[in-house]
PDB file of N, CA and C in Angstrom:
ATOM      1  N   MET A   1      59.061 149.280 115.793  1.00  0.00           N
ATOM      2  CA  MET A   1      58.194 150.434 115.927  1.00  0.00           C
ATOM      3  C   MET A   1      57.957 151.065 114.559  1.00  0.00           C
ATOM      4  N   ASP A   2      56.865 151.695 114.447  1.00  0.00           N
ATOM      5  CA  ASP A   2      56.527 152.391 113.225  1.00  0.00           C
ATOM      6  C   ASP A   2      57.410 153.629 113.073  1.00  0.00           C
ATOM      7  N   PHE A   3      57.867 153.890 111.862  1.00  0.00           N
ATOM      8  CA  PHE A   3      58.760 155.011 111.615  1.00  0.00           C
ATOM      9  C   PHE A   3      58.107 156.353 111.959  1.00  0.00           C
ATOM     10  N   MET A   4      56.841 156.496 111.655  1.00  0.00           N
ATOM     11  CA  MET A   4      56.137 157.757 111.949  1.00  0.00           C
ATOM     12  C   MET A   4      56.017 157.986 113.451  1.00  0.00           C
ATOM     13  N   LEU A   5      55.854 156.917 114.212  1.00  0.00           N
ATOM     14  CA  LEU A   5      55.813 157.053 115.665  1.00  0.00           C
ATOM     15  C   LEU A   5      57.154 157.546 116.197  1.00  0.00           C
ATOM     16  N   LEU A   6      58.245 157.025 115.653  1.00  0.00           N
ATOM     17  CA  LEU A   6      59.580 157.475 116.076  1.00  0.00           C
ATOM     18  C   LEU A   6      59.803 158.948 115.727  1.00  0.00           C
ATOM     19  N   ILE A   7      59.369 159.367 114.561  1.00  0.00           N
ATOM     20  CA  ILE A   7      59.485 160.778 114.168  1.00  0.00           C
ATOM     21  C   ILE A   7      58.645 161.649 115.102  1.00  0.00           C
ATOM     22  N   PHE A   8      57.440 161.193 115.431  1.00  0.00           N
ATOM     23  CA  PHE A   8      56.567 161.937 116.344  1.00  0.00           C
ATOM     24  C   PHE A   8      57.214 162.094 117.714  1.00  0.00           C
ATOM     25  N   ILE A   9      57.798 161.027 118.238  1.00  0.00           N
ATOM     26  CA  ILE A   9      58.467 161.084 119.539  1.00  0.00           C
ATOM     27  C   ILE A   9      59.648 162.044 119.487  1.00  0.00           C
ATOM     28  N   PHE A  10      60.401 162.016 118.392  1.00  0.00           N
ATOM     29  CA  PHE A  10      61.538 162.920 118.250  1.00  0.00           C
ATOM     30  C   PHE A  10      61.095 164.381 118.235  1.00  0.00           C
ATOM     31  N   VAL A  11      60.048 164.687 117.500  1.00  0.00           N
ATOM     32  CA  VAL A  11      59.558 166.068 117.412  1.00  0.00           C
ATOM     33  C   VAL A  11      59.035 166.541 118.764  1.00  0.00           C
ATOM     34  N   ILE A  12      58.287 165.702 119.463  1.00  0.00           N
ATOM     35  CA  ILE A  12      57.778 166.061 120.789  1.00  0.00           C
ATOM     36  C   ILE A  12      58.932 166.276 121.775  1.00  0.00           C
ATOM     37  N   ALA A  13      59.949 165.411 121.724  1.00  0.00           N
ATOM     38  CA  ALA A  13      61.099 165.554 122.618  1.00  0.00           C
ATOM     39  C   ALA A  13      61.873 166.841 122.319  1.00  0.00           C
ATOM     40  N   ALA A  14      62.031 167.174 121.050  1.00  0.00           N
ATOM     41  CA  ALA A  14      62.726 168.412 120.684  1.00  0.00           C
ATOM     42  C   ALA A  14      61.944 169.631 121.159  1.00  0.00           C
ATOM     43  N   PHE A  15      60.643 169.627 120.950  1.00  0.00           N
ATOM     44  CA  PHE A  15      59.806 170.739 121.400  1.00  0.00           C
ATOM     45  C   PHE A  15      59.855 170.887 122.918  1.00  0.00           C
ATOM     46  N   LEU A  16      59.745 169.770 123.635  1.00  0.00           N
ATOM     47  CA  LEU A  16      59.798 169.802 125.094  1.00  0.00           C
ATOM     48  C   LEU A  16      61.152 170.305 125.592  1.00  0.00           C
ATOM     49  N   GLY A  17      62.236 169.866 124.931  1.00  0.00           N
ATOM     50  CA  GLY A  17      63.568 170.322 125.320  1.00  0.00           C
ATOM     51  C   GLY A  17      63.745 171.813 125.143  1.00  0.00           C
ATOM     52  N   VAL A  18      63.272 172.358 124.036  1.00  0.00           N
ATOM     53  CA  VAL A  18      63.372 173.804 123.800  1.00  0.00           C
ATOM     54  C   VAL A  18      62.548 174.573 124.824  1.00  0.00           C
ATOM     55  N   GLU A  19      61.366 174.098 125.122  1.00  0.00           N
ATOM     56  CA  GLU A  19      60.519 174.769 126.108  1.00  0.00           C
ATOM     57  C   GLU A  19      61.136 174.736 127.498  1.00  0.00           C
ATOM     58  N   LEU A  20      61.712 173.612 127.887  1.00  0.00           N
ATOM     59  CA  LEU A  20      62.314 173.510 129.220  1.00  0.00           C
ATOM     60  C   LEU A  20      63.560 174.374 129.342  1.00  0.00           C
ATOM     61  N   ILE A  21      64.418 174.349 128.337  1.00  0.00           N
ATOM     62  CA  ILE A  21      65.649 175.140 128.390  1.00  0.00           C
ATOM     63  C   ILE A  21      65.343 176.629 128.381  1.00  0.00           C
ATOM     64  N   SER A  22      64.304 177.044 127.668  1.00  0.00           N
ATOM     65  CA  SER A  22      63.985 178.471 127.631  1.00  0.00           C
ATOM     66  C   SER A  22      63.458 178.980 128.965  1.00  0.00           C
ATOM     67  N   LYS A  23      62.997 178.094 129.829  1.00  0.00           N
ATOM     68  CA  LYS A  23      62.474 178.500 131.144  1.00  0.00           C
ATOM     69  C   LYS A  23      63.549 178.541 132.237  1.00  0.00           C
ATOM     70  N   VAL A  24      64.754 178.065 131.924  1.00  0.00           N
ATOM     71  CA  VAL A  24      65.838 178.030 132.909  1.00  0.00           C
ATOM     72  C   VAL A  24      66.486 179.409 132.988  1.00  0.00           C
ATOM     73  N   PRO A  25      66.638 179.958 134.212  1.00  0.00           N
ATOM     74  CA  PRO A  25      67.317 181.259 134.341  1.00  0.00           C
ATOM     75  C   PRO A  25      68.778 181.163 133.875  1.00  0.00           C
ATOM     76  N   SER A  26      69.312 182.271 133.407  1.00  0.00           N
ATOM     77  CA  SER A  26      70.680 182.258 132.857  1.00  0.00           C
ATOM     78  C   SER A  26      71.724 181.895 133.906  1.00  0.00           C
ATOM     79  N   GLN A  27      71.466 182.177 135.184  1.00  0.00           N
ATOM     80  CA  GLN A  27      72.425 181.827 136.239  1.00  0.00           C
ATOM     81  C   GLN A  27      72.531 180.316 136.432  1.00  0.00           C
ATOM     82  N   LEU A  28      71.492 179.590 136.097  1.00  0.00           N
ATOM     83  CA  LEU A  28      71.505 178.144 136.281  1.00  0.00           C
ATOM     84  C   LEU A  28      71.830 177.377 135.009  1.00  0.00           C
ATOM     85  N   HIS A  29      71.891 178.047 133.892  1.00  0.00           N
ATOM     86  CA  HIS A  29      72.068 177.348 132.620  1.00  0.00           C
ATOM     87  C   HIS A  29      73.409 176.626 132.545  1.00  0.00           C
ATOM     88  N   THR A  30      74.496 177.292 132.893  1.00  0.00           N
ATOM     89  CA  THR A  30      75.817 176.674 132.793  1.00  0.00           C
ATOM     90  C   THR A  30      75.974 175.494 133.740  1.00  0.00           C
ATOM     91  N   PRO A  31      75.582 175.607 135.025  1.00  0.00           N
ATOM     92  CA  PRO A  31      75.722 174.415 135.881  1.00  0.00           C
ATOM     93  C   PRO A  31      74.855 173.246 135.424  1.00  0.00           C
ATOM     94  N   LEU A  32      73.665 173.532 134.948  1.00  0.00           N
ATOM     95  CA  LEU A  32      72.806 172.439 134.492  1.00  0.00           C
ATOM     96  C   LEU A  32      73.370 171.775 133.246  1.00  0.00           C
ATOM     97  N   MET A  33      73.887 172.570 132.330  1.00  0.00           N
ATOM     98  CA  MET A  33      74.433 171.997 131.100  1.00  0.00           C
ATOM     99  C   MET A  33      75.714 171.218 131.375  1.00  0.00           C
ATOM    100  N   SER A  34      76.558 171.699 132.268  1.00  0.00           N
ATOM    101  CA  SER A  34      77.777 170.952 132.557  1.00  0.00           C
ATOM    102  C   SER A  34      77.453 169.652 133.280  1.00  0.00           C
ATOM    103  N   GLY A  35      76.449 169.669 134.139  1.00  0.00           N
ATOM    104  CA  GLY A  35      76.023 168.431 134.789  1.00  0.00           C
ATOM    105  C   GLY A  35      75.430 167.453 133.790  1.00  0.00           C
ATOM    106  N   THR A  36      74.664 167.956 132.853  1.00  0.00           N
ATOM    107  CA  THR A  36      74.075 167.106 131.823  1.00  0.00           C
ATOM    108  C   THR A  36      75.154 166.503 130.933  1.00  0.00           C
ATOM    109  N   ASN A  37      76.167 167.282 130.609  1.00  0.00           N
ATOM    110  CA  ASN A  37      77.262 166.754 129.798  1.00  0.00           C
ATOM    111  C   ASN A  37      78.021 165.669 130.549  1.00  0.00           C
ATOM    112  N   ALA A  38      78.174 165.837 131.849  1.00  0.00           N
ATOM    113  CA  ALA A  38      78.869 164.813 132.629  1.00  0.00           C
ATOM    114  C   ALA A  38      78.049 163.528 132.691  1.00  0.00           C
ATOM    115  N   ILE A  39      76.742 163.672 132.759  1.00  0.00           N
ATOM    116  CA  ILE A  39      75.878 162.496 132.786  1.00  0.00           C
ATOM    117  C   ILE A  39      75.949 161.732 131.473  1.00  0.00           C
ATOM    118  N   SER A  40      76.306 162.403 130.414  1.00  0.00           N
ATOM    119  CA  SER A  40      76.370 161.711 129.124  1.00  0.00           C
ATOM    120  C   SER A  40      77.509 160.701 129.074  1.00  0.00           C
ATOM    121  N   GLY A  41      78.240 160.569 130.158  1.00  0.00           N
ATOM    122  CA  GLY A  41      79.204 159.477 130.267  1.00  0.00           C
ATOM    123  C   GLY A  41      78.527 158.122 130.143  1.00  0.00           C
ATOM    124  N   VAL A  42      77.243 158.064 130.464  1.00  0.00           N
ATOM    125  CA  VAL A  42      76.475 156.836 130.281  1.00  0.00           C
ATOM    126  C   VAL A  42      76.434 156.474 128.791  1.00  0.00           C
ATOM    127  N   THR A  43      76.401 157.479 127.946  1.00  0.00           N
ATOM    128  CA  THR A  43      76.409 157.232 126.506  1.00  0.00           C
ATOM    129  C   THR A  43      77.718 156.585 126.078  1.00  0.00           C
ATOM    130  N   VAL A  44      78.804 156.993 126.692  1.00  0.00           N
ATOM    131  CA  VAL A  44      80.106 156.396 126.376  1.00  0.00           C
ATOM    132  C   VAL A  44      80.089 154.910 126.732  1.00  0.00           C
ATOM    133  N   VAL A  45      79.555 154.596 127.908  1.00  0.00           N
ATOM    134  CA  VAL A  45      79.504 153.195 128.332  1.00  0.00           C
ATOM    135  C   VAL A  45      78.616 152.377 127.391  1.00  0.00           C
ATOM    136  N   GLY A  46      77.462 152.935 127.011  1.00  0.00           N
ATOM    137  CA  GLY A  46      76.584 152.225 126.089  1.00  0.00           C
ATOM    138  C   GLY A  46      77.215 152.017 124.729  1.00  0.00           C
ATOM    139  N   ALA A  47      77.915 153.034 124.237  1.00  0.00           N
ATOM    140  CA  ALA A  47      78.567 152.906 122.928  1.00  0.00           C
ATOM    141  C   ALA A  47      79.715 151.904 122.986  1.00  0.00           C
ATOM    142  N   LEU A  48      80.441 151.885 124.098  1.00  0.00           N
ATOM    143  CA  LEU A  48      81.503 150.887 124.240  1.00  0.00           C
ATOM    144  C   LEU A  48      80.933 149.479 124.318  1.00  0.00           C
ATOM    145  N   ALA A  49      79.798 149.332 124.998  1.00  0.00           N
ATOM    146  CA  ALA A  49      79.148 148.025 125.053  1.00  0.00           C
ATOM    147  C   ALA A  49      78.675 147.606 123.665  1.00  0.00           C
ATOM    148  N   MET A  50      78.208 148.556 122.896  1.00  0.00           N
ATOM    149  CA  MET A  50      77.772 148.251 121.530  1.00  0.00           C
ATOM    150  C   MET A  50      78.956 147.836 120.662  1.00  0.00           C
ATOM    151  N   CYS A  51      80.100 148.479 120.865  1.00  0.00           N
ATOM    152  CA  CYS A  51      81.308 148.099 120.112  1.00  0.00           C
ATOM    153  C   CYS A  51      81.741 146.677 120.460  1.00  0.00           C
ATOM    154  N   ALA A  52      81.487 146.281 121.701  1.00  0.00           N
ATOM    155  CA  ALA A  52      81.954 144.973 122.161  1.00  0.00           C
ATOM    156  C   ALA A  52      81.085 143.823 121.665  1.00  0.00           C
ATOM    157  N   THR A  53      79.874 144.106 121.205  1.00  0.00           N
ATOM    158  CA  THR A  53      79.019 143.013 120.753  1.00  0.00           C
ATOM    159  C   THR A  53      79.471 142.513 119.385  1.00  0.00           C
ATOM    160  N   GLN A  54      79.225 141.265 119.137  1.00  0.00           N
ATOM    161  CA  GLN A  54      79.665 140.670 117.872  1.00  0.00           C
ATOM    162  C   GLN A  54      78.580 140.676 116.813  1.00  0.00           C
ATOM    163  N   PHE A  55      77.398 141.181 117.145  1.00  0.00           N
ATOM    164  CA  PHE A  55      76.273 141.116 116.229  1.00  0.00           C
ATOM    165  C   PHE A  55      76.018 142.425 115.488  1.00  0.00           C
ATOM    166  N   THR A  56      76.884 143.412 115.619  1.00  0.00           N
ATOM    167  CA  THR A  56      76.589 144.727 115.063  1.00  0.00           C
ATOM    168  C   THR A  56      76.888 144.854 113.574  1.00  0.00           C
ATOM    169  N   GLY A  57      77.871 144.182 113.084  1.00  0.00           N
ATOM    170  CA  GLY A  57      78.254 144.346 111.682  1.00  0.00           C
ATOM    171  C   GLY A  57      79.114 145.582 111.506  1.00  0.00           C
ATOM    172  N   SER A  58      79.519 145.842 110.281  1.00  0.00           N
ATOM    173  CA  SER A  58      80.442 146.951 110.046  1.00  0.00           C
ATOM    174  C   SER A  58      79.765 148.309 110.225  1.00  0.00           C
ATOM    175  N   LEU A  59      78.504 148.456 109.800  1.00  0.00           N
ATOM    176  CA  LEU A  59      77.808 149.721 109.990  1.00  0.00           C
ATOM    177  C   LEU A  59      77.603 150.015 111.480  1.00  0.00           C
ATOM    178  N   GLY A  60      77.266 148.995 112.243  1.00  0.00           N
ATOM    179  CA  GLY A  60      77.093 149.168 113.681  1.00  0.00           C
ATOM    180  C   GLY A  60      78.382 149.551 114.373  1.00  0.00           C
ATOM    181  N   MET A  61      79.479 148.974 113.913  1.00  0.00           N
ATOM    182  CA  MET A  61      80.782 149.312 114.504  1.00  0.00           C
ATOM    183  C   MET A  61      81.155 150.761 114.205  1.00  0.00           C
ATOM    184  N   VAL A  62      80.907 151.202 112.983  1.00  0.00           N
ATOM    185  CA  VAL A  62      81.211 152.591 112.623  1.00  0.00           C
ATOM    186  C   VAL A  62      80.347 153.551 113.426  1.00  0.00           C
ATOM    187  N   LEU A  63      79.048 153.269 113.512  1.00  0.00           N
ATOM    188  CA  LEU A  63      78.147 154.148 114.263  1.00  0.00           C
ATOM    189  C   LEU A  63      78.476 154.155 115.754  1.00  0.00           C
ATOM    190  N   SER A  64      78.823 152.997 116.318  1.00  0.00           N
ATOM    191  CA  SER A  64      79.168 152.983 117.740  1.00  0.00           C
ATOM    192  C   SER A  64      80.500 153.681 117.992  1.00  0.00           C
ATOM    193  N   PHE A  65      81.444 153.594 117.054  1.00  0.00           N
ATOM    194  CA  PHE A  65      82.698 154.342 117.205  1.00  0.00           C
ATOM    195  C   PHE A  65      82.433 155.846 117.174  1.00  0.00           C
ATOM    196  N   ILE A  66      81.575 156.277 116.258  1.00  0.00           N
ATOM    197  CA  ILE A  66      81.222 157.701 116.197  1.00  0.00           C
ATOM    198  C   ILE A  66      80.530 158.126 117.492  1.00  0.00           C
ATOM    199  N   ALA A  67      79.667 157.257 118.039  1.00  0.00           N
ATOM    200  CA  ALA A  67      78.993 157.562 119.298  1.00  0.00           C
ATOM    201  C   ALA A  67      79.997 157.694 120.436  1.00  0.00           C
ATOM    202  N   VAL A  68      81.000 156.829 120.464  1.00  0.00           N
ATOM    203  CA  VAL A  68      82.034 156.920 121.510  1.00  0.00           C
ATOM    204  C   VAL A  68      82.786 158.242 121.395  1.00  0.00           C
ATOM    205  N   VAL A  69      83.176 158.608 120.192  1.00  0.00           N
ATOM    206  CA  VAL A  69      83.942 159.844 119.990  1.00  0.00           C
ATOM    207  C   VAL A  69      83.111 161.068 120.391  1.00  0.00           C
ATOM    208  N   LEU A  70      81.878 161.153 119.905  1.00  0.00           N
ATOM    209  CA  LEU A  70      81.057 162.327 120.195  1.00  0.00           C
ATOM    210  C   LEU A  70      80.682 162.416 121.680  1.00  0.00           C
ATOM    211  N   ALA A  71      80.373 161.288 122.297  1.00  0.00           N
ATOM    212  CA  ALA A  71      80.026 161.311 123.718  1.00  0.00           C
ATOM    213  C   ALA A  71      81.243 161.667 124.573  1.00  0.00           C
ATOM    214  N   THR A  72      82.416 161.214 124.171  1.00  0.00           N
ATOM    215  CA  THR A  72      83.632 161.564 124.916  1.00  0.00           C
ATOM    216  C   THR A  72      83.919 163.057 124.803  1.00  0.00           C
ATOM    217  N   ILE A  73      83.734 163.620 123.628  1.00  0.00           N
ATOM    218  CA  ILE A  73      83.903 165.065 123.462  1.00  0.00           C
ATOM    219  C   ILE A  73      82.909 165.813 124.340  1.00  0.00           C
ATOM    220  N   ASN A  74      81.675 165.327 124.419  1.00  0.00           N
ATOM    221  CA  ASN A  74      80.653 165.961 125.235  1.00  0.00           C
ATOM    222  C   ASN A  74      81.013 165.912 126.715  1.00  0.00           C
ATOM    223  N   VAL A  75      81.518 164.779 127.185  1.00  0.00           N
ATOM    224  CA  VAL A  75      81.901 164.651 128.593  1.00  0.00           C
ATOM    225  C   VAL A  75      83.072 165.571 128.924  1.00  0.00           C
ATOM    226  N   VAL A  76      84.087 165.575 128.080  1.00  0.00           N
ATOM    227  CA  VAL A  76      85.263 166.429 128.323  1.00  0.00           C
ATOM    228  C   VAL A  76      84.870 167.906 128.311  1.00  0.00           C
ATOM    229  N   ALA A  77      84.035 168.290 127.359  1.00  0.00           N
ATOM    230  CA  ALA A  77      83.587 169.682 127.304  1.00  0.00           C
ATOM    231  C   ALA A  77      82.777 170.047 128.543  1.00  0.00           C
ATOM    232  N   GLY A  78      81.989 169.114 129.064  1.00  0.00           N
ATOM    233  CA  GLY A  78      81.232 169.377 130.290  1.00  0.00           C
ATOM    234  C   GLY A  78      82.150 169.659 131.465  1.00  0.00           C
ATOM    235  N   TYR A  79      83.214 168.890 131.573  1.00  0.00           N
ATOM    236  CA  TYR A  79      84.157 169.140 132.661  1.00  0.00           C
ATOM    237  C   TYR A  79      84.928 170.444 132.463  1.00  0.00           C
ATOM    238  N   ILE A  80      85.251 170.789 131.238  1.00  0.00           N
ATOM    239  CA  ILE A  80      85.952 172.054 130.979  1.00  0.00           C
ATOM    240  C   ILE A  80      85.060 173.237 131.334  1.00  0.00           C
ATOM    241  N   VAL A  81      83.783 173.159 130.934  1.00  0.00           N
ATOM    242  CA  VAL A  81      82.851 174.241 131.268  1.00  0.00           C
ATOM    243  C   VAL A  81      82.682 174.358 132.774  1.00  0.00           C
ATOM    244  N   THR A  82      82.587 173.233 133.467  1.00  0.00           N
ATOM    245  CA  THR A  82      82.449 173.254 134.922  1.00  0.00           C
ATOM    246  C   THR A  82      83.683 173.874 135.568  1.00  0.00           C
ATOM    247  N   ASP A  83      84.868 173.521 135.075  1.00  0.00           N
ATOM    248  CA  ASP A  83      86.100 174.084 135.634  1.00  0.00           C
ATOM    249  C   ASP A  83      86.158 175.592 135.416  1.00  0.00           C
ATOM    250  N   ARG A  84      85.781 176.053 134.230  1.00  0.00           N
ATOM    251  CA  ARG A  84      85.769 177.499 133.974  1.00  0.00           C
ATOM    252  C   ARG A  84      84.745 178.208 134.841  1.00  0.00           C
ATOM    253  N   MET A  85      83.587 177.574 135.040  1.00  0.00           N
ATOM    254  CA  MET A  85      82.545 178.173 135.863  1.00  0.00           C
ATOM    255  C   MET A  85      83.014 178.280 137.317  1.00  0.00           C
ATOM    256  N   LEU A  86      83.635 177.227 137.824  1.00  0.00           N
ATOM    257  CA  LEU A  86      84.133 177.275 139.199  1.00  0.00           C
ATOM    258  C   LEU A  86      85.281 178.262 139.339  1.00  0.00           C
ATOM    259  N   GLY A  87      86.055 178.453 138.267  1.00  0.00           N
ATOM    260  CA  GLY A  87      87.136 179.435 138.285  1.00  0.00           C
ATOM    261  C   GLY A  87      86.629 180.860 138.446  1.00  0.00           C
ATOM    262  N   MET A  88      85.409 181.115 138.035  1.00  0.00           N
ATOM    263  CA  MET A  88      84.837 182.454 138.184  1.00  0.00           C
ATOM    264  C   MET A  88      84.554 182.780 139.642  1.00  0.00           C
ATOM    265  N   PHE A  89      84.385 181.744 140.462  1.00  0.00           N
ATOM    266  CA  PHE A  89      84.048 181.978 141.871  1.00  0.00           C
ATOM    267  C   PHE A  89      85.252 181.954 142.790  1.00  0.00           C
ATOM    268  N   LYS A  90      86.430 181.683 142.256  1.00  0.00           N
ATOM    269  CA  LYS A  90      87.640 181.673 143.086  1.00  0.00           C
ATOM    270  C   LYS A  90      88.020 183.091 143.450  1.00  0.00           C
ATOM    271  N   ASN A  91      88.717 183.206 144.561  1.00  0.00           N
ATOM    272  CA  ASN A  91      89.176 184.497 145.036  1.00  0.00           C
ATOM    273  C   ASN A  91      90.235 185.048 144.079  1.00  0.00           C
ATOM    274  N   LYS A  92      90.101 186.282 143.670  1.00  0.00           N
ATOM    275  CA  LYS A  92      91.003 186.884 142.680  1.00  0.00           C
ATOM    276  C   LYS A  92      92.429 187.023 143.201  1.00  0.00           C
ATOM    277  N   GLY A  93      92.606 187.248 144.495  1.00  0.00           N
ATOM    278  CA  GLY A  93      93.928 187.453 145.061  1.00  0.00           C
ATOM    279  C   GLY A  93      94.694 186.177 145.298  1.00  0.00           C
ATOM    280  N   ALA A  94      94.005 185.056 145.497  1.00  0.00           N
ATOM    281  CA  ALA A  94      94.678 183.779 145.787  1.00  0.00           C
ATOM    282  C   ALA A  94      95.071 183.103 144.479  1.00  0.00           C
ATOM    283  N   LYS A  95      96.380 182.774 144.362  1.00  0.00           N
ATOM    284  CA  LYS A  95      96.858 182.049 143.169  1.00  0.00           C
ATOM    285  C   LYS A  95      97.591 180.815 143.568  1.00  0.00           C
TER     286      LYS A  95
END
């Protein structure tokens, strides 16, 4: 693909993402973001598959390792946010 086309797609995607997130009510923002972070587990699987291929070379291995680490942090943070959000709805008297 042409480099300028990739830059154009990136800019359009960033603009669309900002516009969509700004339209989400604050009550729905946390559940949507925690669900999105959990879905990023697909990124972990893709990065692990990339690590397993023999055609990546050393740069590919480093980038796929970084992708595994960052996606794993994103998934764990999504579950932590979800747990904290659900903790807000628990009964205060029940422990």
